[in-house]
Amino acid sequence: MVDIKEKYKDLQPLPCGVQDFEIIRTNGLLYADKTEYVYNLASDKNSFCYFLGRPRRFGKSLFLSTLECYFNARKDLFEGLKIMELEQNWTKYEVLRFDLSGCSSTEKLTSTVLKTILKYEKKYNIENFEKYEIKDRFSNLIETAAKGEQQRVVILIDEYDSALQQTMYDEVEHEKMRTEYRDFFSVFKSDSHYIFKIFLTGIMKFTQLSLFSVLNNIKILSANDEYAAVCGFTHEELQRYFKRHVERLADSSEMTYEQAYQSIIDRYDSYSFSKNLTKVINPYSLLNALADCELNNYWTISGSTKVLMDTIDSGEHKMPNWDCEYMDKLALEGNDANRKNLVLSLYQTGYLTIKEYNKDLQAYRLGIPNHEVKEAISGLIVPRILSKDENEVESTIFQFKKEFILGDVEKAMQFLQALVAGTPNSQDNTSKAIEERFQFIITQVLFLCGFKPQPEVSIATGRVDIVCKTKWRNAIFELKMASNGGLDAASEQITDRKYAAPFLSEDKELLTFAIEFDSAEKNLTRWKIEKIK
């Protein structure tokens, strides 16, 4: 048997949870070289303000830390990295860095900003400015750090949108927060002649802020092909930097290297953020998996995005098709975070990613990135909608899947009924919204079983609520509220509109499911299953 510890005793340690570039370099931790992006940003003369949006725990803070060290001219930290071949001057700038993560209220935002400003006021020996407003203190700080106009400053703001996310569903607090932001960020325009670069990171983009509206030349890097791999690891980087760690995972798990490599790709890969479809691996999950030699769901169990959960709770949206959701290019790249746009929220928070870019349509096709996120939908989103325990949901979905595959579809429907029993209504209680909610739940259950459900399938005679294809059979689902004709209306629609006709030619069993649900009872109340072939 291989002695894993002895064989890999010289393995370079991984920077799990470390977001500080200086610590990584001085402690000899493994660093996947992203410094070429740093140089490209610093030498870009087309803009001085940049925004990069990526999901949480995707390496944004580490990249910001790398920028800070570069602009501080810490040349010693970059020995052996790509930037040493590119940079000749190493000009030192004063850097003002703000971290707004964890700001959940206006008071917390103000406190965090003031605390950071005070720290820099002490550094630059600025006294007697406590009585002034934030924007005036910030403006004075920028001018002082720039030494008049002798040397411009660099401003780095990490997780700038955190506070705005936290208050999206509290209109009064959200407006107060926006006012605070406008006050703070207005300085960027008035003092732009003192500023060399501004760089912001976040998950979501709120363009209604003065930050984005007054700075006409702000460069959004989120969907930029050139910066598609600035966060996360490409396949080439996985092979170059982590090969020995993958070998250790393979030995520990009694797999071949190829099996371990493919398992990593299946579970953590396939995030794409631009139309060139560059694929990157979730860095947080990869580092933890390689450190533990376990393929667990690290990213999903590390926490969920509050705004996503709030959006799902609100019901102010049309539920997405996880496997194939299209979004206009301008809408995905340019739209604000919106509590009514669940698809955009899912994309920005990492639960959906770009799968394809259609040049003719000028649209992106979105889908779930990988197995880790697919399982997260079961663990986070579906239980949230059903208002049930995650383990209970997982167990019941498994029972439904087993009976559906084995052919006892009547028993499978009983498990589905038990699963959705007591599903709470959303804030939108119109008939259409309730129908969409139940349709969404059934679609997700089928999807989580590993099947291929398609909602709202258009055929010549109408639109089928759900078509589900498996290896063994095709299934057609039509749902009707009890108050809208219920079981009889659903069954008649399947027959009258010949919903089964387009699928008769396929060499599979074909079933139709007419289902009645009652909003008062909050459940599926009756169903009728017919075997067509």
Protein backbone atom coordinates (compact mmCIF):
# COMPACT_ATOMS: atom_id res chain seq x y z
CA MET A 1 0.00 0.00 0.00
CA VAL A 2 1.24 3.50 -0.85
CA ASP A 3 2.26 5.62 2.14
CA ILE A 4 0.43 8.79 1.05
CA LYS A 5 1.93 11.01 3.73
CA GLU A 6 5.48 9.96 2.95
CA LYS A 7 5.06 10.07 -0.84
CA TYR A 8 3.72 13.61 -0.82
CA LYS A 9 5.60 15.08 2.16
CA ASP A 10 7.27 17.68 -0.07
CA LEU A 11 3.99 18.88 -1.59
CA GLN A 12 3.65 22.67 -1.64
CA PRO A 13 0.92 23.76 0.82
CA LEU A 14 -2.33 25.13 -0.56
CA PRO A 15 -3.72 28.60 0.32
CA CYS A 16 -7.12 27.36 1.56
CA GLY A 17 -9.11 30.37 2.74
CA VAL A 18 -6.10 32.71 2.33
CA GLN A 19 -6.98 35.86 0.41
CA ASP A 20 -3.80 37.83 1.14
CA PHE A 21 -1.19 37.81 -1.64
CA GLU A 22 1.66 38.79 0.70
CA ILE A 23 0.89 35.91 3.07
CA ILE A 24 0.72 33.43 0.21
CA ARG A 25 4.08 34.53 -1.17
CA THR A 26 5.99 34.95 2.09
CA ASN A 27 4.69 31.64 3.52
CA GLY A 28 5.52 29.67 0.38
CA LEU A 29 1.94 28.69 -0.41
CA LEU A 30 1.03 27.54 -3.91
CA TYR A 31 0.04 30.47 -6.14
CA ALA A 32 -1.46 30.09 -9.62
CA ASP A 33 0.05 33.04 -11.47
CA LYS A 34 -2.57 35.68 -12.36
CA THR A 35 -0.14 38.61 -12.48
CA GLU A 36 -0.42 39.13 -16.22
CA TYR A 37 -3.96 40.38 -15.57
CA VAL A 38 -2.58 42.80 -12.98
CA TYR A 39 -0.15 44.23 -15.49
CA ASN A 40 -2.82 44.52 -18.19
CA LEU A 41 -5.09 46.48 -15.87
CA ALA A 42 -2.33 48.76 -14.65
CA SER A 43 -1.17 49.57 -18.18
CA ASP A 44 -4.66 50.03 -19.64
CA LYS A 45 -5.01 53.66 -20.70
CA ASN A 46 -8.64 53.46 -21.87
CA SER A 47 -10.16 53.70 -18.41
CA PHE A 48 -9.26 54.39 -14.81
CA CYS A 49 -12.24 52.74 -13.09
CA TYR A 50 -13.05 49.02 -13.28
CA PHE A 51 -15.65 46.65 -11.90
CA LEU A 52 -15.31 42.86 -11.71
CA GLY A 53 -18.33 40.77 -10.76
CA ARG A 54 -17.91 37.13 -9.71
CA PRO A 55 -19.75 34.74 -7.35
CA ARG A 56 -18.73 34.61 -3.70
CA ARG A 57 -15.52 32.81 -2.74
CA PHE A 58 -14.20 33.01 -6.27
CA GLY A 59 -10.87 34.73 -5.59
CA LYS A 60 -11.91 38.38 -5.98
CA SER A 61 -10.31 39.44 -2.69
CA LEU A 62 -7.05 37.69 -3.52
CA PHE A 63 -6.87 39.47 -6.87
CA LEU A 64 -7.52 42.79 -5.14
CA SER A 65 -4.74 41.99 -2.65
CA THR A 66 -2.42 41.22 -5.57
CA LEU A 67 -3.25 44.61 -7.09
CA GLU A 68 -2.52 46.29 -3.77
CA CYS A 69 0.92 44.69 -3.53
CA TYR A 70 1.69 45.60 -7.13
CA PHE A 71 0.70 49.26 -6.75
CA ASN A 72 2.73 49.37 -3.52
CA ALA A 73 5.69 48.31 -5.71
CA ARG A 74 6.35 45.20 -3.60
CA LYS A 75 8.62 43.79 -6.29
CA ASP A 76 10.05 41.26 -3.83
CA LEU A 77 6.70 39.44 -3.70
CA PHE A 78 6.54 38.93 -7.47
CA GLU A 79 9.85 37.19 -8.09
CA GLY A 80 9.43 34.31 -10.52
CA LEU A 81 6.00 35.43 -11.71
CA LYS A 82 4.92 36.51 -15.19
CA ILE A 83 4.71 40.19 -14.33
CA MET A 84 8.49 40.33 -13.83
CA GLU A 85 8.88 39.82 -17.60
CA LEU A 86 6.40 42.61 -18.33
CA GLU A 87 6.90 45.41 -15.81
CA GLN A 88 10.02 47.58 -16.00
CA ASN A 89 9.15 50.65 -13.93
CA TRP A 90 7.48 49.50 -10.68
CA THR A 91 6.03 52.89 -9.83
CA LYS A 92 4.80 53.11 -6.23
CA TYR A 93 1.32 54.53 -5.57
CA GLU A 94 -0.50 55.24 -2.35
CA VAL A 95 -3.30 52.67 -2.05
CA LEU A 96 -6.59 53.17 -0.21
CA ARG A 97 -8.37 49.85 0.26
CA PHE A 98 -11.90 49.39 1.60
CA ASP A 99 -13.59 46.08 2.46
CA LEU A 100 -17.38 46.43 2.57
CA SER A 101 -18.20 42.76 3.07
CA GLY A 102 -20.51 42.11 5.98
CA CYS A 103 -22.18 45.53 5.86
CA SER A 104 -25.82 44.63 6.49
CA SER A 105 -27.22 48.05 7.38
CA THR A 106 -26.66 51.75 6.73
CA GLU A 107 -25.13 52.10 10.19
CA LYS A 108 -22.72 49.24 9.58
CA LEU A 109 -21.73 50.65 6.19
CA THR A 110 -21.07 54.09 7.67
CA SER A 111 -19.13 52.60 10.56
CA THR A 112 -16.96 50.46 8.26
CA VAL A 113 -16.15 53.33 5.90
CA LEU A 114 -15.37 55.72 8.77
CA LYS A 115 -13.15 53.15 10.47
CA THR A 116 -11.15 52.69 7.27
CA ILE A 117 -10.89 56.43 6.65
CA LEU A 118 -9.71 56.98 10.23
CA LYS A 119 -7.01 54.33 9.78
CA TYR A 120 -5.64 56.17 6.75
CA GLU A 121 -6.00 59.58 8.41
CA LYS A 122 -3.70 58.35 11.16
CA LYS A 123 -1.27 57.01 8.57
CA TYR A 124 -1.09 60.39 6.81
CA ASN A 125 -1.16 62.44 10.04
CA ILE A 126 -4.51 64.06 9.22
CA GLU A 127 -6.01 65.61 12.35
CA ASN A 128 -9.20 67.40 13.38
CA PHE A 129 -11.38 66.06 10.55
CA GLU A 130 -13.79 63.98 12.68
CA LYS A 131 -16.43 66.74 12.56
CA TYR A 132 -16.70 66.67 8.76
CA GLU A 133 -19.00 64.48 6.67
CA ILE A 134 -17.75 61.25 5.17
CA LYS A 135 -17.43 62.57 1.63
CA ASP A 136 -15.39 65.57 2.79
CA ARG A 137 -13.10 63.40 4.89
CA PHE A 138 -12.69 60.96 2.02
CA SER A 139 -11.95 63.77 -0.42
CA ASN A 140 -9.34 65.25 1.92
CA LEU A 141 -7.81 61.82 2.43
CA ILE A 142 -7.43 61.29 -1.32
CA GLU A 143 -5.82 64.70 -1.82
CA THR A 144 -3.46 64.19 1.12
CA ALA A 145 -2.44 60.70 0.01
CA ALA A 146 -1.78 62.06 -3.48
CA LYS A 147 0.45 64.77 -1.95
CA GLY A 148 -1.44 67.51 -3.69
CA GLU A 149 -1.10 66.57 -7.33
CA GLN A 150 2.39 65.13 -7.15
CA GLN A 151 1.27 61.52 -7.22
CA ARG A 152 -2.15 60.02 -7.85
CA VAL A 153 -3.67 57.31 -5.64
CA VAL A 154 -5.18 53.90 -6.26
CA ILE A 155 -8.53 53.04 -4.64
CA LEU A 156 -9.55 49.41 -4.14
CA ILE A 157 -13.04 48.50 -2.88
CA ASP A 158 -13.78 44.85 -2.12
CA GLU A 159 -17.36 43.49 -2.11
CA TYR A 160 -18.75 46.97 -2.79
CA ASP A 161 -22.28 45.57 -3.25
CA SER A 162 -22.56 43.61 -0.01
CA ALA A 163 -24.67 46.19 1.81
CA LEU A 164 -26.94 46.70 -1.19
CA GLN A 165 -27.57 42.97 -1.43
CA GLN A 166 -28.56 42.79 2.21
CA THR A 167 -31.24 45.49 1.84
CA MET A 168 -32.78 44.68 -1.55
CA TYR A 169 -36.06 43.60 0.07
CA ASP A 170 -36.28 46.52 2.47
CA GLU A 171 -37.13 49.50 0.28
CA VAL A 172 -36.67 52.12 3.00
CA GLU A 173 -33.29 50.77 4.14
CA HIS A 174 -32.20 50.16 0.56
CA GLU A 175 -32.87 53.78 -0.38
CA LYS A 176 -30.95 54.98 2.68
CA MET A 177 -28.10 52.72 1.66
CA ARG A 178 -28.09 54.07 -1.89
CA THR A 179 -27.91 57.61 -0.51
CA GLU A 180 -24.87 56.67 1.57
CA TYR A 181 -23.21 55.12 -1.45
CA ARG A 182 -23.92 58.14 -3.66
CA ASP A 183 -22.40 60.41 -1.04
CA PHE A 184 -19.30 58.28 -0.72
CA PHE A 185 -18.78 57.56 -4.42
CA SER A 186 -19.46 61.09 -5.64
CA VAL A 187 -15.91 61.89 -4.55
CA PHE A 188 -14.58 59.75 -7.38
CA LYS A 189 -15.75 62.29 -9.93
CA SER A 190 -14.85 65.47 -8.08
CA ASP A 191 -11.39 64.18 -7.16
CA SER A 192 -10.65 62.16 -10.30
CA HIS A 193 -7.52 64.23 -11.03
CA TYR A 194 -5.96 62.79 -7.84
CA ILE A 195 -6.82 59.17 -8.75
CA PHE A 196 -4.80 56.83 -10.95
CA LYS A 197 -7.04 53.74 -10.77
CA ILE A 198 -10.24 52.61 -9.06
CA PHE A 199 -11.00 48.92 -8.88
CA LEU A 200 -14.15 47.38 -7.40
CA THR A 201 -15.24 43.81 -6.87
CA GLY A 202 -18.64 42.40 -6.05
CA ILE A 203 -21.26 39.84 -6.94
CA MET A 204 -23.95 42.12 -8.33
CA LYS A 205 -23.99 45.33 -10.30
CA PHE A 206 -26.17 48.25 -9.20
CA THR A 207 -25.84 50.77 -12.01
CA GLN A 208 -28.35 53.20 -10.56
CA LEU A 209 -25.67 54.33 -8.12
CA SER A 210 -23.79 57.51 -8.92
CA LEU A 211 -20.66 55.36 -9.03
CA PHE A 212 -21.77 53.89 -12.34
CA SER A 213 -23.78 56.81 -13.70
CA VAL A 214 -21.28 59.66 -13.28
CA LEU A 215 -18.16 57.76 -14.30
CA ASN A 216 -18.89 57.43 -17.98
CA ASN A 217 -15.70 55.53 -18.73
CA ILE A 218 -16.08 52.79 -16.12
CA LYS A 219 -14.97 49.47 -17.57
CA ILE A 220 -17.08 46.43 -16.65
CA LEU A 221 -14.80 43.39 -16.70
CA SER A 222 -17.41 40.83 -15.63
CA ALA A 223 -18.20 39.55 -19.15
CA ASN A 224 -14.95 40.67 -20.78
CA ASP A 225 -13.26 37.88 -22.80
CA GLU A 226 -9.80 39.16 -21.88
CA TYR A 227 -10.50 38.74 -18.15
CA ALA A 228 -12.64 35.59 -18.34
CA ALA A 229 -10.10 33.57 -16.31
CA VAL A 230 -8.93 36.30 -13.92
CA CYS A 231 -10.62 34.36 -11.08
CA GLY A 232 -10.89 30.59 -10.89
CA PHE A 233 -8.57 28.04 -12.49
CA THR A 234 -8.51 26.94 -16.12
CA HIS A 235 -7.86 23.34 -17.16
CA GLU A 236 -4.34 24.34 -18.18
CA GLU A 237 -3.72 25.87 -14.72
CA LEU A 238 -5.07 22.73 -13.05
CA GLN A 239 -2.52 20.66 -14.93
CA ARG A 240 0.36 23.11 -14.48
CA TYR A 241 0.01 24.03 -10.82
CA PHE A 242 -1.98 21.23 -9.19
CA LYS A 243 -0.91 18.01 -10.94
CA ARG A 244 0.86 16.56 -7.90
CA HIS A 245 -2.10 17.43 -5.69
CA VAL A 246 -4.45 15.66 -8.11
CA GLU A 247 -2.11 12.64 -8.01
CA ARG A 248 -2.40 12.62 -4.20
CA LEU A 249 -6.20 12.79 -4.46
CA ALA A 250 -6.10 9.87 -6.91
CA ASP A 251 -3.90 7.75 -4.62
CA SER A 252 -5.99 8.59 -1.56
CA SER A 253 -9.24 7.73 -3.33
CA GLU A 254 -7.90 4.66 -5.14
CA MET A 255 -8.51 6.21 -8.54
CA THR A 256 -6.34 6.71 -11.58
CA TYR A 257 -5.06 10.20 -12.26
CA GLU A 258 -7.46 10.49 -15.20
CA GLN A 259 -10.42 9.48 -13.02
CA ALA A 260 -9.48 11.98 -10.31
CA TYR A 261 -8.98 14.73 -12.86
CA GLN A 262 -12.35 14.05 -14.50
CA SER A 263 -14.08 13.92 -11.11
CA ILE A 264 -12.74 17.40 -10.34
CA ILE A 265 -13.96 18.69 -13.70
CA ASP A 266 -17.43 17.15 -13.28
CA ARG A 267 -17.90 18.47 -9.76
CA TYR A 268 -16.26 21.91 -9.77
CA ASP A 269 -15.66 23.04 -13.39
CA SER A 270 -17.55 24.68 -16.26
CA TYR A 271 -18.07 28.21 -15.01
CA SER A 272 -18.02 30.60 -17.96
CA PHE A 273 -18.39 34.37 -17.72
CA SER A 274 -18.00 35.62 -21.29
CA LYS A 275 -18.93 34.76 -24.85
CA ASN A 276 -15.59 33.06 -25.59
CA LEU A 277 -16.74 30.32 -23.15
CA THR A 278 -13.45 30.06 -21.27
CA LYS A 279 -14.14 27.49 -18.56
CA VAL A 280 -12.84 27.90 -15.03
CA ILE A 281 -12.93 25.71 -11.95
CA ASN A 282 -14.34 27.00 -8.66
CA PRO A 283 -11.12 27.90 -6.77
CA TYR A 284 -12.57 27.58 -3.25
CA SER A 285 -13.89 24.09 -3.86
CA LEU A 286 -10.80 22.89 -5.72
CA LEU A 287 -8.33 24.02 -3.06
CA ASN A 288 -10.34 22.47 -0.25
CA ALA A 289 -10.92 19.23 -2.16
CA LEU A 290 -7.21 18.85 -2.90
CA ALA A 291 -6.26 19.73 0.68
CA ASP A 292 -8.73 17.22 2.19
CA CYS A 293 -8.47 14.63 -0.62
CA GLU A 294 -12.27 14.59 -0.60
CA LEU A 295 -14.70 15.61 -3.34
CA ASN A 296 -17.20 17.37 -1.11
CA ASN A 297 -19.54 20.30 -1.81
CA TYR A 298 -17.31 22.94 -0.25
CA TRP A 299 -18.64 26.05 -1.99
CA THR A 300 -22.30 25.30 -1.44
CA ILE A 301 -21.99 24.38 2.23
CA SER A 302 -19.89 27.48 2.95
CA GLY A 303 -23.03 29.63 2.82
CA SER A 304 -25.64 30.92 0.42
CA THR A 305 -26.26 34.39 -0.93
CA LYS A 306 -28.98 36.09 1.10
CA VAL A 307 -30.40 38.01 -1.82
CA LEU A 308 -30.90 34.74 -3.72
CA MET A 309 -32.85 33.20 -0.87
CA ASP A 310 -34.89 36.39 -0.45
CA THR A 311 -35.68 36.43 -4.16
CA ILE A 312 -36.92 32.84 -4.05
CA ASP A 313 -39.02 33.57 -0.97
CA SER A 314 -40.65 36.57 -2.59
CA GLY A 315 -42.04 34.69 -5.57
CA GLU A 316 -41.77 37.90 -7.62
CA HIS A 317 -40.36 36.09 -10.62
CA LYS A 318 -40.81 33.40 -13.23
CA MET A 319 -39.03 30.22 -12.21
CA PRO A 320 -36.09 29.34 -14.50
CA ASN A 321 -35.39 26.39 -16.70
CA TRP A 322 -32.18 25.23 -15.04
CA ASP A 323 -30.97 23.32 -18.05
CA CYS A 324 -31.63 25.86 -20.78
CA GLU A 325 -32.38 29.48 -19.95
CA TYR A 326 -31.75 32.16 -22.56
CA MET A 327 -30.90 35.75 -21.74
CA ASP A 328 -30.29 38.65 -24.08
CA LYS A 329 -26.62 39.71 -24.19
CA LEU A 330 -27.37 43.28 -23.14
CA ALA A 331 -29.63 42.10 -20.32
CA LEU A 332 -27.02 39.76 -18.87
CA GLU A 333 -24.09 42.14 -19.24
CA GLY A 334 -25.84 45.43 -18.56
CA ASN A 335 -28.86 44.90 -16.31
CA ASP A 336 -28.91 45.79 -12.65
CA ALA A 337 -29.37 43.28 -9.88
CA ASN A 338 -33.14 42.99 -9.67
CA ARG A 339 -35.17 41.20 -7.06
CA LYS A 340 -37.72 40.23 -9.72
CA ASN A 341 -35.14 38.74 -12.09
CA LEU A 342 -34.29 35.37 -10.57
CA VAL A 343 -32.34 34.20 -13.62
CA LEU A 344 -29.95 37.16 -13.42
CA SER A 345 -29.55 36.65 -9.67
CA LEU A 346 -28.82 32.95 -10.20
CA TYR A 347 -26.19 33.80 -12.80
CA GLN A 348 -24.48 36.50 -10.74
CA THR A 349 -24.42 34.31 -7.63
CA GLY A 350 -22.97 31.30 -9.49
CA TYR A 351 -25.94 28.93 -9.63
CA LEU A 352 -26.21 29.38 -13.40
CA THR A 353 -23.40 30.00 -15.87
CA ILE A 354 -22.92 30.62 -19.58
CA LYS A 355 -23.16 27.44 -21.63
CA GLU A 356 -23.38 28.90 -25.12
CA TYR A 357 -23.33 32.22 -26.95
CA ASN A 358 -25.61 32.54 -29.99
CA LYS A 359 -24.27 35.23 -32.31
CA ASP A 360 -27.44 35.33 -34.40
CA LEU A 361 -29.69 35.83 -31.39
CA GLN A 362 -27.14 37.96 -29.53
CA ALA A 363 -28.09 35.90 -26.51
CA TYR A 364 -26.53 33.61 -23.93
CA ARG A 365 -27.81 30.16 -23.04
CA LEU A 366 -27.44 29.58 -19.32
CA GLY A 367 -27.32 26.33 -17.39
CA ILE A 368 -26.05 24.74 -14.20
CA PRO A 369 -22.21 24.67 -14.13
CA ASN A 370 -21.49 21.33 -12.44
CA HIS A 371 -22.51 18.56 -10.04
CA GLU A 372 -21.73 20.62 -6.94
CA VAL A 373 -24.17 23.34 -7.92
CA LYS A 374 -26.79 20.84 -9.10
CA GLU A 375 -26.75 19.25 -5.65
CA ALA A 376 -26.90 22.71 -4.08
CA ILE A 377 -30.23 23.33 -5.80
CA SER A 378 -31.58 20.30 -3.99
CA GLY A 379 -29.92 21.31 -0.74
CA LEU A 380 -30.75 25.02 -0.75
CA ILE A 381 -33.35 26.15 -3.24
CA VAL A 382 -35.94 23.34 -3.46
CA PRO A 383 -36.19 22.88 0.34
CA ARG A 384 -36.52 26.67 0.66
CA ILE A 385 -39.48 26.72 -1.71
CA LEU A 386 -41.09 23.70 -0.06
CA SER A 387 -40.27 25.04 3.42
CA LYS A 388 -39.02 21.60 4.43
CA ASP A 389 -35.91 19.99 5.87
CA GLU A 390 -33.15 19.28 3.36
CA ASN A 391 -32.82 15.61 4.42
CA GLU A 392 -36.55 15.07 4.12
CA VAL A 393 -36.56 16.57 0.62
CA GLU A 394 -33.57 14.51 -0.48
CA SER A 395 -35.07 11.28 0.85
CA THR A 396 -38.48 11.82 -0.74
CA ILE A 397 -36.99 12.76 -4.11
CA PHE A 398 -34.96 9.53 -4.02
CA GLN A 399 -38.11 7.48 -3.33
CA PHE A 400 -39.92 9.21 -6.19
CA LYS A 401 -36.99 8.55 -8.51
CA LYS A 402 -36.79 4.88 -7.54
CA GLU A 403 -40.47 4.20 -8.18
CA PHE A 404 -40.51 6.24 -11.38
CA ILE A 405 -37.56 4.27 -12.77
CA LEU A 406 -38.89 0.88 -11.62
CA GLY A 407 -42.23 1.59 -13.26
CA ASP A 408 -44.60 2.03 -10.31
CA VAL A 409 -45.57 5.55 -11.40
CA GLU A 410 -48.67 5.55 -9.19
CA LYS A 411 -46.50 5.08 -6.12
CA ALA A 412 -44.07 7.67 -7.47
CA MET A 413 -46.92 10.19 -7.61
CA GLN A 414 -47.75 9.45 -3.98
CA PHE A 415 -44.19 10.41 -3.01
CA LEU A 416 -44.47 13.55 -5.15
CA GLN A 417 -47.71 14.42 -3.35
CA ALA A 418 -46.01 13.94 0.03
CA LEU A 419 -43.10 16.10 -1.10
CA VAL A 420 -45.16 19.13 -2.12
CA ALA A 421 -47.75 18.86 0.67
CA GLY A 422 -48.08 22.15 2.51
CA THR A 423 -46.00 24.13 0.03
CA PRO A 424 -46.38 27.77 1.13
CA ASN A 425 -47.76 30.32 -1.28
CA SER A 426 -45.51 33.09 -2.52
CA GLN A 427 -46.28 36.78 -2.20
CA ASP A 428 -47.95 36.55 -5.60
CA ASN A 429 -51.09 34.46 -5.11
CA THR A 430 -52.61 34.86 -8.56
CA SER A 431 -53.69 31.66 -10.28
CA LYS A 432 -50.92 32.02 -12.86
CA ALA A 433 -48.24 32.44 -10.19
CA ILE A 434 -49.47 29.44 -8.21
CA GLU A 435 -49.55 27.28 -11.35
CA GLU A 436 -46.00 28.35 -12.21
CA ARG A 437 -44.84 27.54 -8.68
CA PHE A 438 -46.15 23.97 -8.74
CA GLN A 439 -44.90 23.49 -12.29
CA PHE A 440 -41.46 24.70 -11.20
CA ILE A 441 -41.36 22.31 -8.22
CA ILE A 442 -42.26 19.26 -10.32
CA THR A 443 -39.73 20.29 -12.98
CA GLN A 444 -36.99 20.57 -10.34
CA VAL A 445 -37.86 17.20 -8.80
CA LEU A 446 -37.58 15.55 -12.23
CA PHE A 447 -34.33 17.39 -12.91
CA LEU A 448 -32.81 16.39 -9.56
CA CYS A 449 -33.66 12.78 -10.37
CA GLY A 450 -31.26 13.04 -13.29
CA PHE A 451 -34.00 13.20 -15.92
CA LYS A 452 -34.36 15.84 -18.63
CA PRO A 453 -37.56 17.80 -18.01
CA GLN A 454 -38.52 20.65 -20.31
CA PRO A 455 -41.18 23.10 -19.16
CA GLU A 456 -43.52 24.94 -21.53
CA VAL A 457 -42.81 22.79 -24.60
CA SER A 458 -44.41 24.25 -27.73
CA ILE A 459 -46.00 21.84 -30.20
CA ALA A 460 -48.28 22.47 -33.17
CA THR A 461 -51.48 22.23 -31.10
CA GLY A 462 -50.44 24.09 -27.96
CA ARG A 463 -47.95 24.29 -25.12
CA VAL A 464 -47.28 21.30 -22.84
CA ASP A 465 -46.61 22.16 -19.19
CA ILE A 466 -43.75 19.65 -18.81
CA VAL A 467 -42.19 17.03 -21.08
CA CYS A 468 -39.77 14.69 -19.31
CA LYS A 469 -37.50 12.31 -21.18
CA THR A 470 -35.63 9.40 -19.61
CA LYS A 471 -33.86 6.37 -21.04
CA TRP A 472 -36.96 4.28 -20.50
CA ARG A 473 -39.93 6.50 -21.18
CA ASN A 474 -41.28 9.88 -22.14
CA ALA A 475 -43.73 11.53 -19.80
CA ILE A 476 -46.14 14.40 -20.47
CA PHE A 477 -47.43 16.45 -17.53
CA GLU A 478 -50.39 18.84 -17.62
CA LEU A 479 -51.33 20.71 -14.44
CA LYS A 480 -54.56 22.52 -13.61
CA MET A 481 -55.77 24.23 -10.48
CA ALA A 482 -58.95 22.79 -8.96
CA SER A 483 -60.56 26.19 -9.42
CA ASN A 484 -59.64 26.13 -13.13
CA GLY A 485 -61.19 22.81 -14.12
CA GLY A 486 -58.77 20.59 -12.22
CA LEU A 487 -58.21 16.97 -13.24
CA ASP A 488 -60.92 16.84 -15.92
CA ALA A 489 -59.66 19.97 -17.66
CA ALA A 490 -56.06 18.74 -17.61
CA SER A 491 -57.03 15.33 -18.99
CA GLU A 492 -59.23 16.81 -21.72
CA GLN A 493 -56.48 19.21 -22.79
CA ILE A 494 -54.00 16.33 -23.21
CA THR A 495 -56.52 14.45 -25.37
CA ASP A 496 -58.08 17.30 -27.33
CA ARG A 497 -54.76 18.92 -28.25
CA LYS A 498 -53.10 15.58 -29.00
CA TYR A 499 -50.13 16.30 -26.76
CA ALA A 500 -48.83 12.75 -27.16
CA ALA A 501 -48.68 12.84 -30.98
CA PRO A 502 -45.18 14.38 -31.42
CA PHE A 503 -43.64 11.66 -29.24
CA LEU A 504 -45.30 8.54 -30.65
CA SER A 505 -42.50 7.85 -33.12
CA GLU A 506 -39.89 7.42 -30.38
CA ASP A 507 -39.18 3.85 -29.35
CA LYS A 508 -40.02 4.40 -25.69
CA GLU A 509 -42.89 3.95 -23.31
CA LEU A 510 -45.09 7.06 -23.35
CA LEU A 511 -47.16 8.17 -20.36
CA THR A 512 -49.39 11.18 -19.75
CA PHE A 513 -50.00 12.69 -16.31
CA ALA A 514 -53.07 14.88 -15.76
CA ILE A 515 -52.60 16.52 -12.36
CA GLU A 516 -54.92 18.64 -10.23
CA PHE A 517 -53.61 20.86 -7.47
CA ASP A 518 -55.48 22.95 -4.95
CA SER A 519 -54.10 26.24 -3.63
CA ALA A 520 -56.27 26.02 -0.51
CA GLU A 521 -55.00 22.54 0.37
CA LYS A 522 -51.52 23.48 -0.90
CA ASN A 523 -51.04 20.12 -2.55
CA LEU A 524 -51.60 17.86 -5.52
CA THR A 525 -55.08 16.51 -4.87
CA ARG A 526 -55.83 14.15 -7.80
CA TRP A 527 -54.08 12.74 -10.84
CA LYS A 528 -54.73 10.47 -13.80
CA ILE A 529 -51.98 8.47 -15.50
CA GLU A 530 -52.47 6.98 -18.97
CA LYS A 531 -50.10 4.70 -20.84
CA ILE A 532 -50.21 5.77 -24.51
CA LYS A 533 -47.68 3.21 -25.76
